[in-house]
Amino acid sequence: MFSTGALIAGIVIAAVAATAGAIGSAMDDKRAREAAARNKAYIEQMYKIKKDEAKERFELAKEQAERNAAQTEKQADLTDESLNVTEQGLSNDFNAAIDQLYLGQEADAMNWNAQSMQAGSSEGAAYSNLAGSGVRAGSSLSDAVLMESATNAAQLQFSQDAKRRSDDNNLASVLNNLAGNKWNIQQNRIGADIMREDAQYLRNSYLEGGHNWNLYQNQLKALKTDVNYNITELDYEYENHSGWNAFANSMIAFHTMGAKGFQTGYNIGNTFNKAT
C-alpha cells in the first residue's frame, strides 16, 4: 500500500528535481553551444593564421630561390666572359707561337744558306791557294781541305736536323697546350650551362606545377581538410544542443530527474511516516 504522505513527498520532490533537471539540461545545452561556437571561431582564426603563415613562408622561399637563381646565372655569365677572354688570349698566344716558329725557320734558312755559302767560299779559296802554291790534288793539304769541307757540311746538316727537331717539339708542345686549354674552356662552358639549368630548375620549382609549388598546395589542402573536419564536429556538437535536440535533452532530464526525485521523496516520506 502506498502511503499518502510518501506519495506527496515523492511528487513534490519529483517536481522540484524534474524542474531542476530540465533547467540544468538547458544550461548545459547553452554552455555546449557557446563552447562549440568559441571553438569554431578559434579554429577558423587559427586556420587563417596558419594559411597566411604558409603563404608567407612559400613566398619567402620563392623570393630566396629567385635571388639564388639570379646570382647563379650572373656567375655563369661571368664564367663565360672570363672564358671569352681566356679563349682570345689562347688564340693570340697560339698565333704568336706559330709566327715565332715561322720567323725562326725563316731566319734559320737564311743563316744556313749564309753558312753554306761561306763554307763553299772558304773551300774554293783554300783550293785556289793550294793551286797557286803548286800543291797537287790528293796531297795531305788537299785532303785536309776536303776533310774540313766535309766537317763543315756535317756540322751544318746536324744544326739543321737539330733545329728542325726542336721546331717539331715546340710545335707539338704548342698544339698540346692548345688542345688542353680548349678542353678546359669547353668543360667550364658546360659547367656554366649546368649552372643556368640548375638556376632555371630552381625557379620553375616554385611556379605552378613545380615540386615546391605542389608541396605548398598540399600543405594548404591538409590545413583545409583539418579545419573542415574540426568544424564539422563542432557543428554536429552545436546541433546536438540546439532546437529540438535541446528540447529532447530537457525532456529526458526532466523525466529522469523527476523519476529519481519521486523515488527519493517517496523513500523519505515513507521513512518519516514509519518513524511517527
C-alpha atoms as a PDB file:
ATOM      1  CA  MET A   1       0.000   0.000   0.000  1.00  0.00           C
ATOM      2  CA  PHE A   2       1.300   3.439  -0.869  1.00  0.00           C
ATOM      3  CA  SER A   3       1.402   5.945   1.938  1.00  0.00           C
ATOM      4  CA  THR A   4      -0.322   9.224   1.198  1.00  0.00           C
ATOM      5  CA  GLY A   5       2.458  11.250   2.832  1.00  0.00           C
ATOM      6  CA  ALA A   6       5.103   9.347   0.982  1.00  0.00           C
ATOM      7  CA  LEU A   7       3.301   9.918  -2.313  1.00  0.00           C
ATOM      8  CA  ILE A   8       3.007  13.616  -1.663  1.00  0.00           C
ATOM      9  CA  ALA A   9       6.669  13.864  -0.719  1.00  0.00           C
ATOM     10  CA  GLY A  10       7.634  11.908  -3.793  1.00  0.00           C
ATOM     11  CA  ILE A  11       5.530  14.098  -6.058  1.00  0.00           C
ATOM     12  CA  VAL A  12       6.871  17.321  -4.576  1.00  0.00           C
ATOM     13  CA  ILE A  13      10.493  16.284  -4.762  1.00  0.00           C
ATOM     14  CA  ALA A  14       9.934  14.803  -8.224  1.00  0.00           C
ATOM     15  CA  ALA A  15       8.565  18.121  -9.460  1.00  0.00           C
ATOM     16  CA  VAL A  16      11.483  20.025  -7.981  1.00  0.00           C
ATOM     17  CA  ALA A  17      14.043  17.545  -9.299  1.00  0.00           C
ATOM     18  CA  ALA A  18      12.438  17.397 -12.731  1.00  0.00           C
ATOM     19  CA  THR A  19      12.367  21.181 -12.991  1.00  0.00           C
ATOM     20  CA  ALA A  20      15.951  21.413 -11.818  1.00  0.00           C
ATOM     21  CA  GLY A  21      16.964  18.706 -14.301  1.00  0.00           C
ATOM     22  CA  ALA A  22      15.255  20.489 -17.181  1.00  0.00           C
ATOM     23  CA  ILE A  23      16.839  23.815 -16.231  1.00  0.00           C
ATOM     24  CA  GLY A  24      20.239  22.172 -15.761  1.00  0.00           C
ATOM     25  CA  SER A  25      19.924  20.459 -19.123  1.00  0.00           C
ATOM     26  CA  ALA A  26      19.035  23.754 -20.800  1.00  0.00           C
ATOM     27  CA  MET A  27      22.023  25.435 -19.194  1.00  0.00           C
ATOM     28  CA  ASP A  28      24.295  22.577 -20.230  1.00  0.00           C
ATOM     29  CA  ASP A  29      22.998  22.863 -23.787  1.00  0.00           C
ATOM     30  CA  LYS A  30      23.650  26.588 -23.767  1.00  0.00           C
ATOM     31  CA  ARG A  31      27.188  26.134 -22.453  1.00  0.00           C
ATOM     32  CA  ALA A  32      27.806  23.420 -25.051  1.00  0.00           C
ATOM     33  CA  ARG A  33      26.588  25.698 -27.849  1.00  0.00           C
ATOM     34  CA  GLU A  34      28.719  28.577 -26.609  1.00  0.00           C
ATOM     35  CA  ALA A  35      31.784  26.322 -26.321  1.00  0.00           C
ATOM     36  CA  ALA A  36      31.212  24.946 -29.827  1.00  0.00           C
ATOM     37  CA  ALA A  37      30.855  28.470 -31.210  1.00  0.00           C
ATOM     38  CA  ARG A  38      34.030  29.632 -29.436  1.00  0.00           C
ATOM     39  CA  ASN A  39      35.992  26.632 -30.624  1.00  0.00           C
ATOM     40  CA  LYS A  40      34.710  27.089 -34.169  1.00  0.00           C
ATOM     41  CA  ALA A  41      35.775  30.742 -34.188  1.00  0.00           C
ATOM     42  CA  TYR A  42      39.174  29.766 -32.761  1.00  0.00           C
ATOM     43  CA  ILE A  43      39.698  27.050 -35.364  1.00  0.00           C
ATOM     44  CA  GLU A  44      38.720  29.379 -38.205  1.00  0.00           C
ATOM     45  CA  GLN A  45      41.036  32.080 -36.876  1.00  0.00           C
ATOM     46  CA  MET A  46      43.938  29.628 -36.480  1.00  0.00           C
ATOM     47  CA  TYR A  47      43.283  28.301 -39.982  1.00  0.00           C
ATOM     48  CA  LYS A  48      43.603  31.813 -41.393  1.00  0.00           C
ATOM     49  CA  ILE A  49      46.803  32.397 -39.387  1.00  0.00           C
ATOM     50  CA  LYS A  50      48.363  29.098 -40.485  1.00  0.00           C
ATOM     51  CA  LYS A  51      47.272  29.653 -44.081  1.00  0.00           C
ATOM     52  CA  ASP A  52      48.803  33.141 -44.113  1.00  0.00           C
ATOM     53  CA  GLU A  53      51.947  31.778 -42.474  1.00  0.00           C
ATOM     54  CA  ALA A  54      52.241  29.002 -45.056  1.00  0.00           C
ATOM     55  CA  LYS A  55      51.795  31.555 -47.851  1.00  0.00           C
ATOM     56  CA  GLU A  56      54.393  33.869 -46.316  1.00  0.00           C
ATOM     57  CA  ARG A  57      56.889  31.029 -45.953  1.00  0.00           C
ATOM     58  CA  PHE A  58      56.287  29.935 -49.543  1.00  0.00           C
ATOM     59  CA  GLU A  59      56.693  33.475 -50.891  1.00  0.00           C
ATOM     60  CA  LEU A  60      59.858  33.953 -48.816  1.00  0.00           C
ATOM     61  CA  ALA A  61      61.330  30.673 -50.087  1.00  0.00           C
ATOM     62  CA  LYS A  62      60.312  31.584 -53.641  1.00  0.00           C
ATOM     63  CA  GLU A  63      61.955  35.004 -53.327  1.00  0.00           C
ATOM     64  CA  GLN A  64      65.156  33.477 -51.939  1.00  0.00           C
ATOM     65  CA  ALA A  65      65.145  30.873 -54.711  1.00  0.00           C
ATOM     66  CA  GLU A  66      64.805  33.650 -57.304  1.00  0.00           C
ATOM     67  CA  ARG A  67      67.740  35.518 -55.740  1.00  0.00           C
ATOM     68  CA  ASN A  68      69.860  32.366 -55.700  1.00  0.00           C
ATOM     69  CA  ALA A  69      68.909  31.594 -59.306  1.00  0.00           C
ATOM     70  CA  ALA A  70      69.765  35.144 -60.414  1.00  0.00           C
ATOM     71  CA  GLN A  71      73.124  35.017 -58.626  1.00  0.00           C
ATOM     72  CA  THR A  72      73.890  31.638 -60.184  1.00  0.00           C
ATOM     73  CA  GLU A  73      73.070  32.968 -63.647  1.00  0.00           C
ATOM     74  CA  LYS A  74      75.287  36.015 -63.067  1.00  0.00           C
ATOM     75  CA  GLN A  75      78.110  33.713 -62.008  1.00  0.00           C
ATOM     76  CA  ALA A  76      77.592  31.642 -65.154  1.00  0.00           C
ATOM     77  CA  ASP A  77      77.707  34.830 -67.267  1.00  0.00           C
ATOM     78  CA  LEU A  78      80.913  35.920 -65.557  1.00  0.00           C
ATOM     79  CA  THR A  79      82.388  32.489 -66.229  1.00  0.00           C
ATOM     80  CA  ASP A  80      81.503  32.807 -69.918  1.00  0.00           C
ATOM     81  CA  GLU A  81      83.019  36.278 -70.115  1.00  0.00           C
ATOM     82  CA  SER A  82      86.186  35.045 -68.440  1.00  0.00           C
ATOM     83  CA  LEU A  83      86.333  32.126 -70.846  1.00  0.00           C
ATOM     84  CA  ASN A  84      85.931  34.507 -73.797  1.00  0.00           C
ATOM     85  CA  VAL A  85      88.980  36.440 -72.591  1.00  0.00           C
ATOM     86  CA  THR A  86      90.890  33.200 -71.999  1.00  0.00           C
ATOM     87  CA  GLU A  87      89.895  31.894 -75.421  1.00  0.00           C
ATOM     88  CA  GLN A  88      91.014  35.115 -77.131  1.00  0.00           C
ATOM     89  CA  GLY A  89      94.295  35.076 -75.212  1.00  0.00           C
ATOM     90  CA  LEU A  90      94.827  31.439 -76.127  1.00  0.00           C
ATOM     91  CA  SER A  91      94.226  32.229 -79.800  1.00  0.00           C
ATOM     92  CA  ASN A  92      96.643  35.133 -79.663  1.00  0.00           C
ATOM     93  CA  ASP A  93      99.295  33.032 -77.899  1.00  0.00           C
ATOM     94  CA  PHE A  94      98.877  30.216 -80.406  1.00  0.00           C
ATOM     95  CA  ASN A  95      99.180  32.550 -83.395  1.00  0.00           C
ATOM     96  CA  ALA A  96     102.191  34.247 -81.814  1.00  0.00           C
ATOM     97  CA  ALA A  97     103.861  30.885 -81.204  1.00  0.00           C
ATOM     98  CA  ILE A  98     103.248  29.785 -84.799  1.00  0.00           C
ATOM     99  CA  ASP A  99     104.554  33.114 -86.095  1.00  0.00           C
ATOM    100  CA  GLN A 100     107.608  32.777 -83.884  1.00  0.00           C
ATOM    101  CA  LEU A 101     108.287  29.310 -85.230  1.00  0.00           C
ATOM    102  CA  TYR A 102     107.847  30.572 -88.792  1.00  0.00           C
ATOM    103  CA  LEU A 103     110.164  33.528 -88.219  1.00  0.00           C
ATOM    104  CA  GLY A 104     112.707  31.231 -86.585  1.00  0.00           C
ATOM    105  CA  GLN A 105     112.606  28.865 -89.527  1.00  0.00           C
ATOM    106  CA  GLU A 106     112.988  31.767 -91.976  1.00  0.00           C
ATOM    107  CA  ALA A 107     115.969  33.051 -90.006  1.00  0.00           C
ATOM    108  CA  ASP A 108     117.445  29.553 -89.829  1.00  0.00           C
ATOM    109  CA  ALA A 109     117.089  29.123 -93.573  1.00  0.00           C
ATOM    110  CA  MET A 110     118.888  32.398 -94.169  1.00  0.00           C
ATOM    111  CA  ASN A 111     121.623  31.532 -91.654  1.00  0.00           C
ATOM    112  CA  TRP A 112     122.070  28.086 -93.128  1.00  0.00           C
ATOM    113  CA  ASN A 113     122.310  29.496 -96.641  1.00  0.00           C
ATOM    114  CA  ALA A 114     124.881  32.015 -95.444  1.00  0.00           C
ATOM    115  CA  GLN A 115     126.867  29.299 -93.669  1.00  0.00           C
ATOM    116  CA  SER A 116     126.687  27.067 -96.745  1.00  0.00           C
ATOM    117  CA  MET A 117     127.852  29.907 -98.977  1.00  0.00           C
ATOM    118  CA  GLN A 118     130.636  30.790 -96.543  1.00  0.00           C
ATOM    119  CA  ALA A 119     131.746  27.187 -96.349  1.00  0.00           C
ATOM    120  CA  GLY A 120     131.766  26.946-100.161  1.00  0.00           C
ATOM    121  CA  SER A 121     133.682  30.195-100.451  1.00  0.00           C
ATOM    122  CA  SER A 122     136.241  29.029 -97.874  1.00  0.00           C
ATOM    123  CA  GLU A 123     136.634  25.733 -99.660  1.00  0.00           C
ATOM    124  CA  GLY A 124     137.121  27.496-103.011  1.00  0.00           C
ATOM    125  CA  ALA A 125     139.666  29.905-101.554  1.00  0.00           C
ATOM    126  CA  ALA A 126     141.528  27.028 -99.948  1.00  0.00           C
ATOM    127  CA  TYR A 127     141.751  25.172-103.262  1.00  0.00           C
ATOM    128  CA  SER A 128     142.786  28.339-105.033  1.00  0.00           C
ATOM    129  CA  ASN A 129     145.564  28.875-102.570  1.00  0.00           C
ATOM    130  CA  LEU A 130     146.672  25.266-102.950  1.00  0.00           C
ATOM    131  CA  ALA A 131     146.680  25.584-106.705  1.00  0.00           C
ATOM    132  CA  GLY A 132     148.686  28.804-106.521  1.00  0.00           C
ATOM    133  CA  SER A 133     151.243  27.157-104.302  1.00  0.00           C
ATOM    134  CA  GLY A 134     151.648  24.201-106.691  1.00  0.00           C
ATOM    135  CA  VAL A 135     150.168  21.600-104.360  1.00  0.00           C
ATOM    136  CA  ARG A 136     148.732  18.716-106.279  1.00  0.00           C
ATOM    137  CA  ALA A 137     145.341  17.143-105.728  1.00  0.00           C
ATOM    138  CA  GLY A 138     145.462  14.142-103.417  1.00  0.00           C
ATOM    139  CA  SER A 139     148.123  15.625-101.233  1.00  0.00           C
ATOM    140  CA  SER A 140     147.726  15.851 -97.476  1.00  0.00           C
ATOM    141  CA  LEU A 141     146.869  19.544 -97.706  1.00  0.00           C
ATOM    142  CA  SER A 142     144.237  18.806-100.317  1.00  0.00           C
ATOM    143  CA  ASP A 143     142.830  16.031 -98.126  1.00  0.00           C
ATOM    144  CA  ALA A 144     142.730  18.456 -95.190  1.00  0.00           C
ATOM    145  CA  VAL A 145     140.659  20.884 -97.227  1.00  0.00           C
ATOM    146  CA  LEU A 146     138.273  18.081 -98.168  1.00  0.00           C
ATOM    147  CA  MET A 147     138.045  16.949 -94.532  1.00  0.00           C
ATOM    148  CA  GLU A 148     137.346  20.493 -93.335  1.00  0.00           C
ATOM    149  CA  SER A 149     134.708  20.904 -96.031  1.00  0.00           C
ATOM    150  CA  ALA A 150     133.059  17.611 -95.054  1.00  0.00           C
ATOM    151  CA  THR A 151     133.175  18.566 -91.386  1.00  0.00           C
ATOM    152  CA  ASN A 152     131.564  21.919 -92.097  1.00  0.00           C
ATOM    153  CA  ALA A 153     128.894  20.230 -94.181  1.00  0.00           C
ATOM    154  CA  ALA A 154     128.222  17.675 -91.420  1.00  0.00           C
ATOM    155  CA  GLN A 155     128.010  20.391 -88.764  1.00  0.00           C
ATOM    156  CA  LEU A 156     125.615  22.387 -90.898  1.00  0.00           C
ATOM    157  CA  GLN A 157     123.478  19.309 -91.521  1.00  0.00           C
ATOM    158  CA  PHE A 158     123.472  18.489 -87.796  1.00  0.00           C
ATOM    159  CA  SER A 159     122.462  22.056 -86.940  1.00  0.00           C
ATOM    160  CA  GLN A 160     119.644  21.857 -89.464  1.00  0.00           C
ATOM    161  CA  ASP A 161     118.419  18.483 -88.223  1.00  0.00           C
ATOM    162  CA  ALA A 162     118.611  19.545 -84.566  1.00  0.00           C
ATOM    163  CA  LYS A 163     116.787  22.796 -85.230  1.00  0.00           C
ATOM    164  CA  ARG A 164     114.055  21.066 -87.220  1.00  0.00           C
ATOM    165  CA  ARG A 165     113.566  18.533 -84.429  1.00  0.00           C
ATOM    166  CA  SER A 166     113.446  21.357 -81.882  1.00  0.00           C
ATOM    167  CA  ASP A 167     110.862  23.180 -84.014  1.00  0.00           C
ATOM    168  CA  ASP A 168     108.784  20.000 -84.273  1.00  0.00           C
ATOM    169  CA  ASN A 169     108.904  19.544 -80.487  1.00  0.00           C
ATOM    170  CA  ASN A 170     107.956  23.175 -79.926  1.00  0.00           C
ATOM    171  CA  LEU A 171     105.079  22.853 -82.389  1.00  0.00           C
ATOM    172  CA  ALA A 172     103.859  19.687 -80.657  1.00  0.00           C
ATOM    173  CA  SER A 173     104.023  21.467 -77.292  1.00  0.00           C
ATOM    174  CA  VAL A 174     102.043  24.412 -78.681  1.00  0.00           C
ATOM    175  CA  LEU A 175      99.400  22.081 -80.132  1.00  0.00           C
ATOM    176  CA  ASN A 176      99.172  20.070 -76.905  1.00  0.00           C
ATOM    177  CA  ASN A 177      98.796  23.276 -74.894  1.00  0.00           C
ATOM    178  CA  LEU A 178      96.099  24.442 -77.312  1.00  0.00           C
ATOM    179  CA  ALA A 179      94.190  21.150 -77.034  1.00  0.00           C
ATOM    180  CA  GLY A 180      94.413  21.138 -73.215  1.00  0.00           C
ATOM    181  CA  ASN A 181      93.232  24.720 -72.893  1.00  0.00           C
ATOM    182  CA  LYS A 182      90.402  24.147 -75.375  1.00  0.00           C
ATOM    183  CA  TRP A 183      89.242  21.160 -73.284  1.00  0.00           C
ATOM    184  CA  ASN A 184      89.342  23.256 -70.102  1.00  0.00           C
ATOM    185  CA  ILE A 185      87.387  26.048 -71.759  1.00  0.00           C
ATOM    186  CA  GLN A 186      84.783  23.624 -73.078  1.00  0.00           C
ATOM    187  CA  GLN A 187      84.464  21.961 -69.671  1.00  0.00           C
ATOM    188  CA  ASN A 188      83.980  25.312 -67.948  1.00  0.00           C
ATOM    189  CA  ARG A 189      81.403  26.393 -70.533  1.00  0.00           C
ATOM    190  CA  ILE A 190      79.460  23.192 -69.908  1.00  0.00           C
ATOM    191  CA  GLY A 191      79.701  23.931 -66.174  1.00  0.00           C
ATOM    192  CA  ALA A 192      78.289  27.426 -66.772  1.00  0.00           C
ATOM    193  CA  ASP A 193      75.408  25.953 -68.799  1.00  0.00           C
ATOM    194  CA  ILE A 194      74.677  23.481 -66.000  1.00  0.00           C
ATOM    195  CA  MET A 195      74.598  26.373 -63.517  1.00  0.00           C
ATOM    196  CA  ARG A 196      71.998  28.114 -65.687  1.00  0.00           C
ATOM    197  CA  GLU A 197      69.935  24.937 -65.958  1.00  0.00           C
ATOM    198  CA  ASP A 198      70.047  24.478 -62.177  1.00  0.00           C
ATOM    199  CA  ALA A 199      69.001  28.097 -61.678  1.00  0.00           C
ATOM    200  CA  GLN A 200      66.059  27.694 -64.058  1.00  0.00           C
ATOM    201  CA  TYR A 201      65.074  24.398 -62.431  1.00  0.00           C
ATOM    202  CA  LEU A 202      65.043  26.049 -59.003  1.00  0.00           C
ATOM    203  CA  ARG A 203      62.989  28.960 -60.309  1.00  0.00           C
ATOM    204  CA  ASN A 204      60.494  26.664 -62.069  1.00  0.00           C
ATOM    205  CA  SER A 205      60.013  24.560 -58.925  1.00  0.00           C
ATOM    206  CA  TYR A 206      58.102  27.481 -57.373  1.00  0.00           C
ATOM    207  CA  LEU A 207      55.906  28.047 -60.425  1.00  0.00           C
ATOM    208  CA  GLU A 208      52.577  26.276 -60.917  1.00  0.00           C
ATOM    209  CA  GLY A 209      53.221  22.560 -61.370  1.00  0.00           C
ATOM    210  CA  GLY A 210      56.711  22.687 -59.831  1.00  0.00           C
ATOM    211  CA  HIS A 211      57.508  20.392 -56.906  1.00  0.00           C
ATOM    212  CA  ASN A 212      57.821  23.197 -54.329  1.00  0.00           C
ATOM    213  CA  TRP A 213      54.568  24.701 -55.580  1.00  0.00           C
ATOM    214  CA  ASN A 214      52.907  21.282 -55.283  1.00  0.00           C
ATOM    215  CA  LEU A 215      54.208  20.879 -51.723  1.00  0.00           C
ATOM    216  CA  TYR A 216      52.707  24.259 -50.858  1.00  0.00           C
ATOM    217  CA  GLN A 217      49.341  23.277 -52.354  1.00  0.00           C
ATOM    218  CA  ASN A 218      49.395  20.006 -50.416  1.00  0.00           C
ATOM    219  CA  GLN A 219      50.078  21.936 -47.217  1.00  0.00           C
ATOM    220  CA  LEU A 220      47.078  24.183 -47.890  1.00  0.00           C
ATOM    221  CA  LYS A 221      44.891  21.146 -48.617  1.00  0.00           C
ATOM    222  CA  ALA A 222      45.997  19.496 -45.375  1.00  0.00           C
ATOM    223  CA  LEU A 223      45.141  22.646 -43.407  1.00  0.00           C
ATOM    224  CA  LYS A 224      41.750  22.912 -45.119  1.00  0.00           C
ATOM    225  CA  THR A 225      40.956  19.238 -44.567  1.00  0.00           C
ATOM    226  CA  ASP A 226      41.831  19.507 -40.884  1.00  0.00           C
ATOM    227  CA  VAL A 227      39.765  22.648 -40.287  1.00  0.00           C
ATOM    228  CA  ASN A 228      36.792  21.242 -42.214  1.00  0.00           C
ATOM    229  CA  TYR A 229      36.830  18.100 -40.091  1.00  0.00           C
ATOM    230  CA  ASN A 230      37.018  20.025 -36.818  1.00  0.00           C
ATOM    231  CA  ILE A 231      34.297  22.481 -37.858  1.00  0.00           C
ATOM    232  CA  THR A 232      32.029  19.623 -38.915  1.00  0.00           C
ATOM    233  CA  GLU A 233      32.488  18.042 -35.489  1.00  0.00           C
ATOM    234  CA  LEU A 234      31.705  21.338 -33.766  1.00  0.00           C
ATOM    235  CA  ASP A 235      28.645  21.932 -35.963  1.00  0.00           C
ATOM    236  CA  TYR A 236      27.435  18.470 -35.022  1.00  0.00           C
ATOM    237  CA  GLU A 237      28.022  19.265 -31.339  1.00  0.00           C
ATOM    238  CA  TYR A 238      26.197  22.582 -31.710  1.00  0.00           C
ATOM    239  CA  GLU A 239      23.205  20.905 -33.390  1.00  0.00           C
ATOM    240  CA  ASN A 240      23.037  18.280 -30.634  1.00  0.00           C
ATOM    241  CA  HIS A 241      22.413  21.063 -28.143  1.00  0.00           C
ATOM    242  CA  SER A 242      20.085  23.239 -30.228  1.00  0.00           C
ATOM    243  CA  GLY A 243      16.386  23.288 -31.233  1.00  0.00           C
ATOM    244  CA  TRP A 244      14.505  20.043 -30.914  1.00  0.00           C
ATOM    245  CA  ASN A 245      17.623  18.260 -29.713  1.00  0.00           C
ATOM    246  CA  ALA A 246      17.918  20.680 -26.804  1.00  0.00           C
ATOM    247  CA  PHE A 247      14.199  20.238 -26.074  1.00  0.00           C
ATOM    248  CA  ALA A 248      14.605  16.470 -26.139  1.00  0.00           C
ATOM    249  CA  ASN A 249      17.583  16.725 -23.803  1.00  0.00           C
ATOM    250  CA  SER A 250      15.489  18.808 -21.402  1.00  0.00           C
ATOM    251  CA  MET A 251      12.601  16.329 -21.533  1.00  0.00           C
ATOM    252  CA  ILE A 252      14.918  13.433 -20.880  1.00  0.00           C
ATOM    253  CA  ALA A 253      16.489  15.290 -17.974  1.00  0.00           C
ATOM    254  CA  PHE A 254      13.032  16.309 -16.754  1.00  0.00           C
ATOM    255  CA  HIS A 255      11.719  12.751 -16.663  1.00  0.00           C
ATOM    256  CA  THR A 256      14.987  11.208 -15.458  1.00  0.00           C
ATOM    257  CA  MET A 257      15.423  13.643 -12.606  1.00  0.00           C
ATOM    258  CA  GLY A 258      11.669  13.543 -11.874  1.00  0.00           C
ATOM    259  CA  ALA A 259      11.746   9.781 -11.527  1.00  0.00           C
ATOM    260  CA  LYS A 260      14.799   9.916  -9.311  1.00  0.00           C
ATOM    261  CA  GLY A 261      13.227  12.741  -7.259  1.00  0.00           C
ATOM    262  CA  PHE A 262       9.993  10.858  -6.838  1.00  0.00           C
ATOM    263  CA  GLN A 263      11.839   7.760  -5.643  1.00  0.00           C
ATOM    264  CA  THR A 264      13.915   9.822  -3.239  1.00  0.00           C
ATOM    265  CA  GLY A 265      10.887  11.776  -1.932  1.00  0.00           C
ATOM    266  CA  TYR A 266       8.816   8.670  -1.549  1.00  0.00           C
ATOM    267  CA  ASN A 267      11.565   6.962   0.394  1.00  0.00           C
ATOM    268  CA  ILE A 268      11.978   9.975   2.642  1.00  0.00           C
ATOM    269  CA  GLY A 269       8.217  10.290   3.211  1.00  0.00           C
ATOM    270  CA  ASN A 270       7.797   6.600   3.879  1.00  0.00           C
ATOM    271  CA  THR A 271      10.669   6.689   6.363  1.00  0.00           C
ATOM    272  CA  PHE A 272       9.129   9.694   8.124  1.00  0.00           C
ATOM    273  CA  ASN A 273       5.717   8.001   8.370  1.00  0.00           C
ATOM    274  CA  LYS A 274       7.213   4.898   9.893  1.00  0.00           C
ATOM    275  CA  ALA A 275       9.100   6.979  12.391  1.00  0.00           C
ATOM    276  CA  THR A 276       5.919   8.712  13.541  1.00  0.00           C
END
